[in-house]
Protein backbone atom coordinates (compact mmCIF):
# COMPACT_ATOMS: atom_id res chain seq x y z
CA MET A 1 28.46 -45.19 -72.14
CA LEU A 2 28.22 -43.33 -68.42
CA TYR A 3 25.32 -41.49 -67.56
CA TRP A 4 25.61 -38.30 -65.90
CA ASP A 5 22.35 -36.19 -66.42
CA TYR A 6 20.19 -37.40 -63.43
CA ALA A 7 18.85 -33.88 -62.86
CA ALA A 8 17.00 -34.23 -66.35
CA ALA A 9 15.79 -37.77 -65.73
CA ALA A 10 16.99 -40.09 -63.31
CA PRO A 11 16.80 -44.15 -64.21
CA PRO A 12 13.91 -45.38 -62.32
CA TYR A 13 14.34 -47.60 -59.03
CA GLU A 14 13.90 -51.50 -59.97
CA GLU A 15 10.95 -51.51 -57.41
CA VAL A 16 8.97 -48.72 -58.96
CA VAL A 17 9.16 -50.41 -62.35
CA GLN A 18 7.75 -53.72 -60.62
CA THR A 19 5.33 -51.58 -59.07
CA MET A 20 4.05 -50.05 -62.26
CA GLU A 21 3.90 -52.98 -64.10
CA GLN A 22 1.74 -55.18 -61.47
CA VAL A 23 -0.48 -52.28 -60.92
CA MET A 24 -1.01 -52.08 -64.74
CA ARG A 25 -1.66 -55.38 -65.12
CA GLN A 26 -4.06 -55.98 -62.09
CA HIS A 27 -5.80 -52.97 -61.55
CA PHE A 28 -6.73 -51.07 -64.97
CA ALA A 29 -10.20 -50.08 -63.81
CA ASN A 30 -10.78 -46.43 -63.83
CA PRO A 31 -10.70 -45.63 -60.30
CA SER A 32 -14.02 -43.13 -60.73
CA SER A 33 -15.95 -46.48 -61.44
CA LEU A 34 -18.69 -47.95 -59.14
CA HIS A 35 -17.64 -51.22 -59.09
CA ARG A 36 -15.37 -53.36 -57.39
CA ALA A 37 -12.50 -53.22 -59.36
CA GLY A 38 -12.77 -49.58 -59.75
CA ALA A 39 -13.24 -48.69 -56.15
CA GLU A 40 -9.66 -50.91 -55.49
CA ALA A 41 -8.06 -48.57 -58.11
CA ASP A 42 -9.00 -45.95 -56.14
CA LYS A 43 -7.91 -47.62 -52.88
CA LEU A 44 -4.41 -47.23 -54.28
CA ILE A 45 -4.50 -43.69 -55.31
CA LYS A 46 -5.80 -42.64 -51.76
CA ARG A 47 -2.83 -44.91 -50.31
CA ALA A 48 -0.47 -43.56 -52.68
CA ARG A 49 -1.62 -39.90 -51.52
CA GLU A 50 -0.92 -41.05 -47.78
CA VAL A 51 2.37 -42.27 -48.78
CA CYS A 52 3.26 -39.10 -50.45
CA ALA A 53 1.87 -36.72 -48.02
CA ALA A 54 3.54 -38.73 -44.98
CA ALA A 55 7.08 -37.80 -46.83
CA LEU A 56 6.40 -34.29 -46.94
CA GLY A 57 5.10 -33.93 -43.76
CA VAL A 58 1.43 -33.10 -44.91
CA GLN A 59 -2.29 -34.11 -45.09
CA PRO A 60 -3.52 -36.31 -47.57
CA GLN A 61 -5.84 -33.91 -48.88
CA GLU A 62 -3.24 -31.53 -49.55
CA ILE A 63 -1.68 -33.81 -52.23
CA VAL A 64 -2.45 -33.61 -55.76
CA PHE A 65 -1.28 -35.47 -58.43
CA THR A 66 -0.45 -33.95 -61.82
CA SER A 67 1.23 -34.92 -65.21
CA GLY A 68 4.74 -33.73 -64.25
CA ALA A 69 6.30 -30.48 -62.43
CA THR A 70 5.45 -28.35 -65.48
CA GLU A 71 1.88 -28.73 -65.13
CA SER A 72 2.24 -28.61 -61.13
CA ASN A 73 4.03 -25.42 -61.64
CA ASN A 74 1.54 -24.08 -64.44
CA MET A 75 -1.42 -24.76 -61.99
CA ALA A 76 0.50 -23.55 -58.85
CA ILE A 77 0.98 -20.12 -60.45
CA LYS A 78 -1.68 -19.66 -63.26
CA GLY A 79 -4.76 -21.24 -60.67
CA ALA A 80 -3.24 -19.10 -58.00
CA ALA A 81 -3.57 -15.94 -60.78
CA LEU A 82 -6.86 -16.79 -61.63
CA GLN A 83 -8.57 -17.38 -58.41
CA TYR A 84 -7.06 -14.57 -56.36
CA GLN A 85 -6.69 -11.84 -58.89
CA GLY A 86 -9.73 -10.17 -56.46
CA ARG A 87 -6.64 -9.29 -54.46
CA GLY A 88 -4.30 -7.98 -57.19
CA ARG A 89 -2.47 -8.68 -59.86
CA HIS A 90 1.00 -8.75 -59.04
CA MET A 91 3.40 -11.44 -58.99
CA ILE A 92 7.08 -12.01 -57.65
CA THR A 93 9.72 -14.54 -58.85
CA THR A 94 13.44 -14.55 -59.63
CA GLU A 95 15.37 -14.54 -62.57
CA LEU A 96 16.74 -18.19 -62.03
CA GLU A 97 13.43 -20.01 -62.55
CA HIS A 98 12.79 -23.03 -64.50
CA PRO A 99 11.12 -21.94 -67.64
CA SER A 100 7.73 -23.56 -66.63
CA VAL A 101 7.50 -21.09 -63.75
CA TYR A 102 9.46 -18.41 -65.81
CA GLU A 103 7.16 -18.18 -69.02
CA SER A 104 4.02 -19.01 -67.15
CA CYS A 105 4.77 -15.50 -65.10
CA LEU A 106 5.54 -13.96 -68.80
CA GLN A 107 2.03 -15.42 -69.68
CA LEU A 108 0.24 -13.61 -67.53
CA GLN A 109 2.87 -10.29 -67.90
CA GLN A 110 1.14 -10.56 -71.49
CA LEU A 111 -2.22 -10.34 -69.75
CA GLY A 112 -1.57 -7.44 -67.86
CA TRP A 113 -0.31 -8.96 -64.53
CA GLU A 114 2.99 -7.35 -63.15
CA ILE A 115 5.80 -9.40 -62.56
CA THR A 116 8.78 -8.30 -60.13
CA PHE A 117 11.54 -10.61 -61.49
CA ILE A 118 14.56 -10.64 -58.48
CA ALA A 119 17.97 -11.01 -59.66
CA PRO A 120 20.25 -13.12 -57.70
CA ASP A 121 23.98 -12.72 -56.41
CA SER A 122 26.76 -13.86 -58.15
CA SER A 123 26.93 -17.46 -56.68
CA GLY A 124 22.96 -17.66 -58.06
CA VAL A 125 21.40 -16.77 -53.96
CA VAL A 126 18.55 -14.38 -53.99
CA GLU A 127 18.81 -12.47 -51.17
CA PRO A 128 15.44 -12.61 -48.56
CA SER A 129 15.03 -8.77 -48.10
CA GLN A 130 14.98 -8.31 -51.86
CA VAL A 131 12.42 -10.22 -52.13
CA ALA A 132 10.40 -9.37 -49.01
CA ALA A 133 10.92 -5.65 -50.46
CA ALA A 134 9.06 -6.17 -53.71
CA VAL A 135 5.98 -7.85 -51.88
CA ARG A 136 2.90 -5.11 -52.04
CA PRO A 137 -0.77 -5.49 -50.68
CA ASP A 138 -1.78 -6.49 -54.19
CA THR A 139 0.91 -9.21 -54.85
CA VAL A 140 -1.22 -12.65 -55.07
CA LEU A 141 2.08 -15.10 -55.07
CA VAL A 142 6.00 -15.15 -54.69
CA SER A 143 7.48 -18.21 -56.25
CA VAL A 144 10.96 -19.52 -55.68
CA MET A 145 12.57 -22.54 -56.50
CA HIS A 146 14.72 -24.98 -53.99
CA VAL A 147 17.71 -25.67 -55.99
CA ASN A 148 18.37 -24.22 -59.61
CA ASN A 149 18.35 -27.04 -62.26
CA GLU A 150 21.06 -25.53 -63.87
CA ILE A 151 23.76 -24.67 -61.23
CA GLY A 152 22.59 -26.15 -58.38
CA THR A 153 22.05 -23.31 -56.02
CA VAL A 154 20.11 -23.67 -53.32
CA GLN A 155 17.99 -20.66 -52.03
CA PRO A 156 17.36 -19.54 -48.36
CA LEU A 157 13.28 -20.79 -48.41
CA GLN A 158 12.64 -20.20 -44.48
CA GLU A 159 14.22 -17.05 -44.96
CA ILE A 160 12.33 -15.86 -47.79
CA GLY A 161 8.79 -17.64 -46.39
CA ARG A 162 9.37 -15.86 -43.17
CA GLN A 163 9.92 -12.51 -44.19
CA VAL A 164 7.34 -12.67 -47.23
CA LYS A 165 4.75 -13.92 -44.98
CA ALA A 166 5.51 -11.01 -42.41
CA VAL A 167 4.89 -8.14 -44.98
CA ASN A 168 1.87 -9.81 -46.19
CA ARG A 169 0.47 -13.06 -44.96
CA ARG A 170 -2.02 -13.49 -47.90
CA THR A 171 0.65 -13.48 -50.16
CA LEU A 172 1.02 -17.21 -51.22
CA PHE A 173 4.23 -18.87 -51.43
CA HIS A 174 5.35 -21.51 -54.03
CA VAL A 175 8.09 -23.61 -54.07
CA ASP A 176 9.61 -25.31 -57.48
CA GLY A 177 11.12 -28.08 -55.47
CA VAL A 178 12.07 -30.93 -58.17
CA GLN A 179 15.63 -30.48 -57.52
CA GLY A 180 15.58 -30.33 -54.08
CA TYR A 181 13.35 -33.45 -52.91
CA GLY A 182 15.39 -36.39 -52.23
CA LYS A 183 18.55 -34.24 -52.06
CA LEU A 184 18.02 -31.67 -49.00
CA GLU A 185 15.64 -31.66 -46.32
CA THR A 186 12.18 -30.68 -47.47
CA ARG A 187 10.50 -28.59 -44.83
CA LEU A 188 7.24 -27.07 -46.01
CA LYS A 189 6.02 -25.83 -42.78
CA GLU A 190 9.19 -24.01 -42.03
CA TRP A 191 9.33 -22.31 -45.28
CA GLN A 192 5.97 -21.77 -44.73
CA ALA A 193 5.17 -23.12 -48.43
CA ASP A 194 1.28 -22.67 -49.75
CA LEU A 195 2.01 -24.52 -52.97
CA TYR A 196 5.12 -27.34 -53.42
CA SER A 197 6.03 -28.76 -56.98
CA LEU A 198 7.62 -32.28 -57.97
CA SER A 199 8.62 -34.49 -60.40
CA ALA A 200 8.40 -37.96 -60.39
CA HIS A 201 11.34 -38.55 -62.83
CA LYS A 202 13.76 -36.69 -61.33
CA ILE A 203 13.64 -38.88 -58.41
CA ARG A 204 13.50 -42.33 -60.26
CA GLY A 205 10.22 -42.37 -60.30
CA PRO A 206 7.91 -42.87 -63.78
CA ARG A 207 7.82 -39.56 -66.31
CA GLY A 208 4.40 -38.14 -66.71
CA THR A 209 3.62 -37.69 -62.95
CA GLY A 210 3.98 -35.03 -60.78
CA ILE A 211 2.59 -33.70 -57.47
CA LEU A 212 1.10 -30.34 -56.15
CA TYR A 213 1.09 -29.68 -52.66
CA VAL A 214 -1.63 -27.10 -51.69
CA ARG A 215 -2.28 -26.16 -48.39
CA GLU A 216 -5.37 -26.48 -46.93
CA GLY A 217 -7.24 -23.56 -46.73
CA VAL A 218 -5.84 -22.43 -50.53
CA THR A 219 -7.92 -22.61 -53.10
CA LEU A 220 -6.89 -22.73 -57.20
CA PHE A 221 -8.78 -21.93 -60.27
CA PRO A 222 -8.28 -25.43 -61.90
CA LEU A 223 -6.73 -25.14 -65.47
CA LEU A 224 -8.26 -28.60 -66.67
CA THR A 225 -12.11 -29.12 -66.09
CA GLY A 226 -14.53 -31.93 -66.82
CA GLY A 227 -14.34 -34.48 -63.93
CA SER A 228 -14.24 -33.91 -60.21
CA GLN A 229 -10.66 -35.91 -59.71
CA GLU A 230 -7.91 -34.79 -57.74
CA MET A 231 -10.43 -33.01 -55.10
CA GLY A 232 -11.78 -30.89 -58.13
CA ASN A 233 -8.54 -29.48 -58.72
CA ARG A 234 -7.70 -31.69 -61.91
CA ALA A 235 -9.96 -33.11 -64.20
CA GLY A 236 -9.00 -36.62 -65.98
CA THR A 237 -8.83 -40.32 -65.30
CA GLU A 238 -6.09 -40.79 -63.05
CA ASN A 239 -2.98 -42.81 -64.14
CA VAL A 240 -3.08 -45.44 -61.47
CA PRO A 241 0.27 -47.15 -62.11
CA ASN A 242 2.18 -44.05 -62.61
CA ILE A 243 0.89 -42.62 -59.48
CA VAL A 244 1.46 -45.93 -57.41
CA ALA A 245 4.68 -46.08 -58.86
CA THR A 246 5.13 -42.24 -58.00
CA ALA A 247 4.28 -42.97 -54.35
CA LYS A 248 6.93 -45.72 -54.01
CA ALA A 249 9.59 -43.23 -55.57
CA VAL A 250 8.70 -40.24 -53.06
CA ARG A 251 8.88 -42.88 -50.21
CA MET A 252 12.30 -44.25 -51.13
CA SER A 253 13.92 -41.10 -52.25
CA GLY A 254 12.81 -39.53 -48.78
CA GLU A 255 14.44 -42.58 -46.89
CA ARG A 256 17.36 -42.68 -48.58
CA ARG A 257 18.42 -39.13 -48.67
CA GLN A 258 20.86 -38.55 -45.77
CA GLU A 259 22.80 -41.95 -47.34
CA PHE A 260 22.85 -40.10 -50.79
CA THR A 261 23.83 -36.94 -49.58
CA ARG A 262 26.83 -38.32 -47.87
CA ARG A 263 27.91 -40.67 -50.90
CA ILE A 264 27.50 -38.12 -53.64
CA THR A 265 29.26 -34.90 -51.68
CA PRO A 266 32.76 -36.09 -51.58
CA LEU A 267 32.17 -36.72 -55.37
CA LYS A 268 31.23 -33.15 -56.38
CA LYS A 269 34.15 -31.90 -54.63
CA GLN A 270 36.29 -34.35 -56.38
CA LEU A 271 35.01 -33.49 -59.64
CA GLU A 272 34.56 -29.43 -59.00
CA ASP A 273 38.23 -29.24 -57.70
CA TYR A 274 39.70 -31.15 -60.82
CA ILE A 275 37.61 -28.58 -63.11
CA SER A 276 38.81 -25.94 -61.29
CA GLY A 277 42.18 -27.21 -62.43
CA ILE A 278 41.86 -27.18 -65.89
CA PRO A 279 42.68 -23.28 -67.44
CA GLU A 280 40.02 -23.49 -70.06
CA LEU A 281 37.04 -24.01 -67.82
CA VAL A 282 35.00 -21.99 -65.53
CA LEU A 283 33.27 -23.62 -62.49
CA ASN A 284 29.23 -22.16 -62.23
CA SER A 285 28.30 -24.45 -59.66
CA SER A 286 29.78 -24.24 -55.88
CA GLY A 287 30.09 -26.42 -52.74
CA ASP A 288 27.43 -24.87 -51.01
CA GLY A 289 24.76 -25.68 -53.68
CA ALA A 290 22.94 -29.28 -54.11
CA PRO A 291 24.94 -32.35 -53.38
CA HIS A 292 24.34 -33.76 -56.73
CA ILE A 293 24.55 -30.62 -59.68
CA VAL A 294 28.12 -29.72 -61.27
CA HIS A 295 27.92 -26.52 -63.65
CA PHE A 296 30.94 -25.11 -65.48
CA SER A 297 31.62 -23.21 -68.95
CA TYR A 298 34.07 -23.44 -71.64
CA PRO A 299 34.01 -19.73 -72.59
CA GLY A 300 33.92 -19.58 -76.54
CA MET A 301 33.15 -22.63 -77.22
CA LYS A 302 29.53 -23.76 -77.43
CA GLY A 303 28.29 -26.20 -74.57
CA GLU A 304 26.78 -28.62 -77.50
CA VAL A 305 30.24 -28.89 -79.21
CA MET A 306 31.52 -29.63 -75.47
CA ALA A 307 28.97 -32.10 -75.04
CA ARG A 308 29.44 -33.94 -78.41
CA LYS A 309 32.91 -34.37 -78.05
CA LEU A 310 32.23 -35.96 -74.09
CA GLU A 311 29.52 -38.18 -75.70
CA GLU A 312 32.23 -39.33 -77.99
CA LEU A 313 34.36 -40.13 -75.26
CA GLY A 314 31.58 -42.11 -73.76
CA MET A 315 30.12 -39.64 -71.19
CA ALA A 316 26.12 -38.23 -71.59
CA VAL A 317 26.17 -34.90 -69.81
CA ALA A 318 23.97 -31.85 -70.09
CA THR A 319 24.28 -28.37 -71.66
CA ARG A 320 21.27 -27.10 -69.48
CA SER A 321 18.09 -27.72 -68.32
CA ALA A 322 16.57 -30.39 -70.54
CA CYS A 323 13.52 -28.13 -71.32
CA SER A 324 15.74 -25.42 -72.96
CA SER A 325 19.15 -27.79 -74.38
CA ARG A 326 17.84 -27.53 -77.84
CA LEU A 327 17.63 -23.96 -77.69
CA ALA A 328 20.71 -21.87 -79.55
CA GLU A 329 20.58 -18.58 -76.85
CA PRO A 330 22.52 -18.14 -73.96
CA SER A 331 21.69 -19.57 -70.56
CA ARG A 332 19.37 -17.15 -69.21
CA VAL A 333 20.75 -18.64 -65.69
CA LEU A 334 24.22 -18.13 -66.31
CA LEU A 335 23.47 -14.47 -67.28
CA SER A 336 21.66 -13.71 -64.25
CA ILE A 337 24.67 -14.40 -62.25
CA GLY A 338 26.80 -11.99 -64.15
CA ARG A 339 28.57 -14.66 -66.87
CA ASP A 340 29.22 -12.94 -70.16
CA ARG A 341 27.89 -14.18 -73.15
CA ALA A 342 30.28 -16.57 -74.10
CA ALA A 343 30.65 -18.20 -71.07
CA ALA A 344 26.45 -18.61 -70.89
CA LEU A 345 26.73 -20.11 -74.00
CA GLY A 346 29.64 -22.76 -72.46
CA GLY A 347 27.72 -24.00 -70.03
CA ILE A 348 27.66 -27.76 -69.57
CA ARG A 349 25.42 -29.42 -66.45
CA ILE A 350 26.92 -32.83 -64.70
CA SER A 351 24.42 -34.30 -62.44
CA LEU A 352 25.33 -37.20 -60.28
CA GLY A 353 23.14 -39.95 -59.25
CA ASP A 354 23.50 -42.55 -56.40
CA SER A 355 24.99 -45.29 -58.49
CA HIS A 356 28.14 -43.58 -59.59
CA THR A 357 31.53 -44.36 -57.80
CA LYS A 358 34.59 -42.53 -57.72
CA GLN A 359 36.14 -44.19 -60.24
CA GLU A 360 33.64 -43.34 -62.57
CA VAL A 361 34.24 -39.81 -61.81
CA GLN A 362 38.09 -40.31 -62.10
CA GLN A 363 36.72 -41.60 -65.81
CA LEU A 364 34.78 -38.39 -66.55
CA GLU A 365 37.57 -36.47 -65.38
CA GLN A 366 39.92 -37.83 -68.23
CA ALA A 367 37.14 -37.53 -70.53
CA LEU A 368 37.00 -33.60 -69.71
CA LEU A 369 40.71 -33.16 -70.16
CA ALA A 370 40.69 -35.05 -73.23
CA ALA A 371 37.82 -33.33 -75.01
CA VAL A 372 39.27 -30.19 -73.79
CA GLN A 373 42.60 -30.58 -75.50
CA SER A 374 41.18 -32.40 -78.52
CA LEU A 375 38.78 -29.23 -78.72
CA LYS A 376 41.84 -26.89 -78.55
CA ILE A 377 43.97 -28.81 -80.99
CA ALA A 378 40.98 -28.94 -83.53
CA GLU A 379 41.91 -27.29 -86.68
CA GLY A 380 40.52 -23.78 -86.29
CA GLY A 381 38.22 -24.80 -83.30
CA VAL A 382 34.23 -24.54 -83.13
CA LYS A 383 33.58 -21.38 -81.88
């Protein structure tokens, strides 16, 4: 079975696995304890914080470790809402966001907040002037993802940040960077980002750990209370093995980004060119998008049917974001870029990793053609 779902979960680096095992065996003490074993565990967290900060070009005290990007996104949005509701009760996001952002905004909407959802163009790009035009004196936060997790569209974050801050300097700018880090340049200062979310298992780190960058001077209302861990932002005993392993994955992914892009970009183009030549398939991703995500639809054919057929042929692919893959509803992202319901129900996401080769892409191409031909001639089809 060839694995083509790196955007959902990437296999951890071997060095990450070794680090986790070593720390789990040797540094099991609670880092909040006052004895020597606790102090040693605490030093490991501090060092991990420094490594992650250096990779992102920020200060160590601006790094908060969480249980994953879902918590980071919830903390950024709801924590800002609760902390700064005296400034107003309005937020801006896009129709493309990951469910952990989108649903957080819907929750706030139920509590009386006004949420403006910005629509993208047909390629999935959000126009910065539209975002800026929606900013008001009472706009607490703007949240825009770096790379869309389904179709791989890259948003113009620097221009969005510039225009938002030009309208209202106090409006916070949050970036969901989960699919961007390690694939594209991360420039938090140039984007004027106040908050930035990462997930370790997307960059070959351990599952169950994330990062939230909180710019110095920004205060978030803590969603988890009890202890004073993570500078008071998040109570709970720190997961030392995961945190240390996450720092290693952040460092390694950052150092290997340029090589990753150099190797994977031509493979993506090869695959997209091939898909474009199959009449039954409609390409949803573009060459301007992130280097690792290819997305297409088989209009009229449910995505899970195509995915199962490809699995029978030895290819593991996704139908959409892993968080939404079991839903029978059409893709919200595809509908937002103007695809009809038939195409939005038939989406397939292929996400490339640094271990993939040209020969493996050719095997995938053969499987795609075989799957389409098989589904076409299947008695009655499954529509």
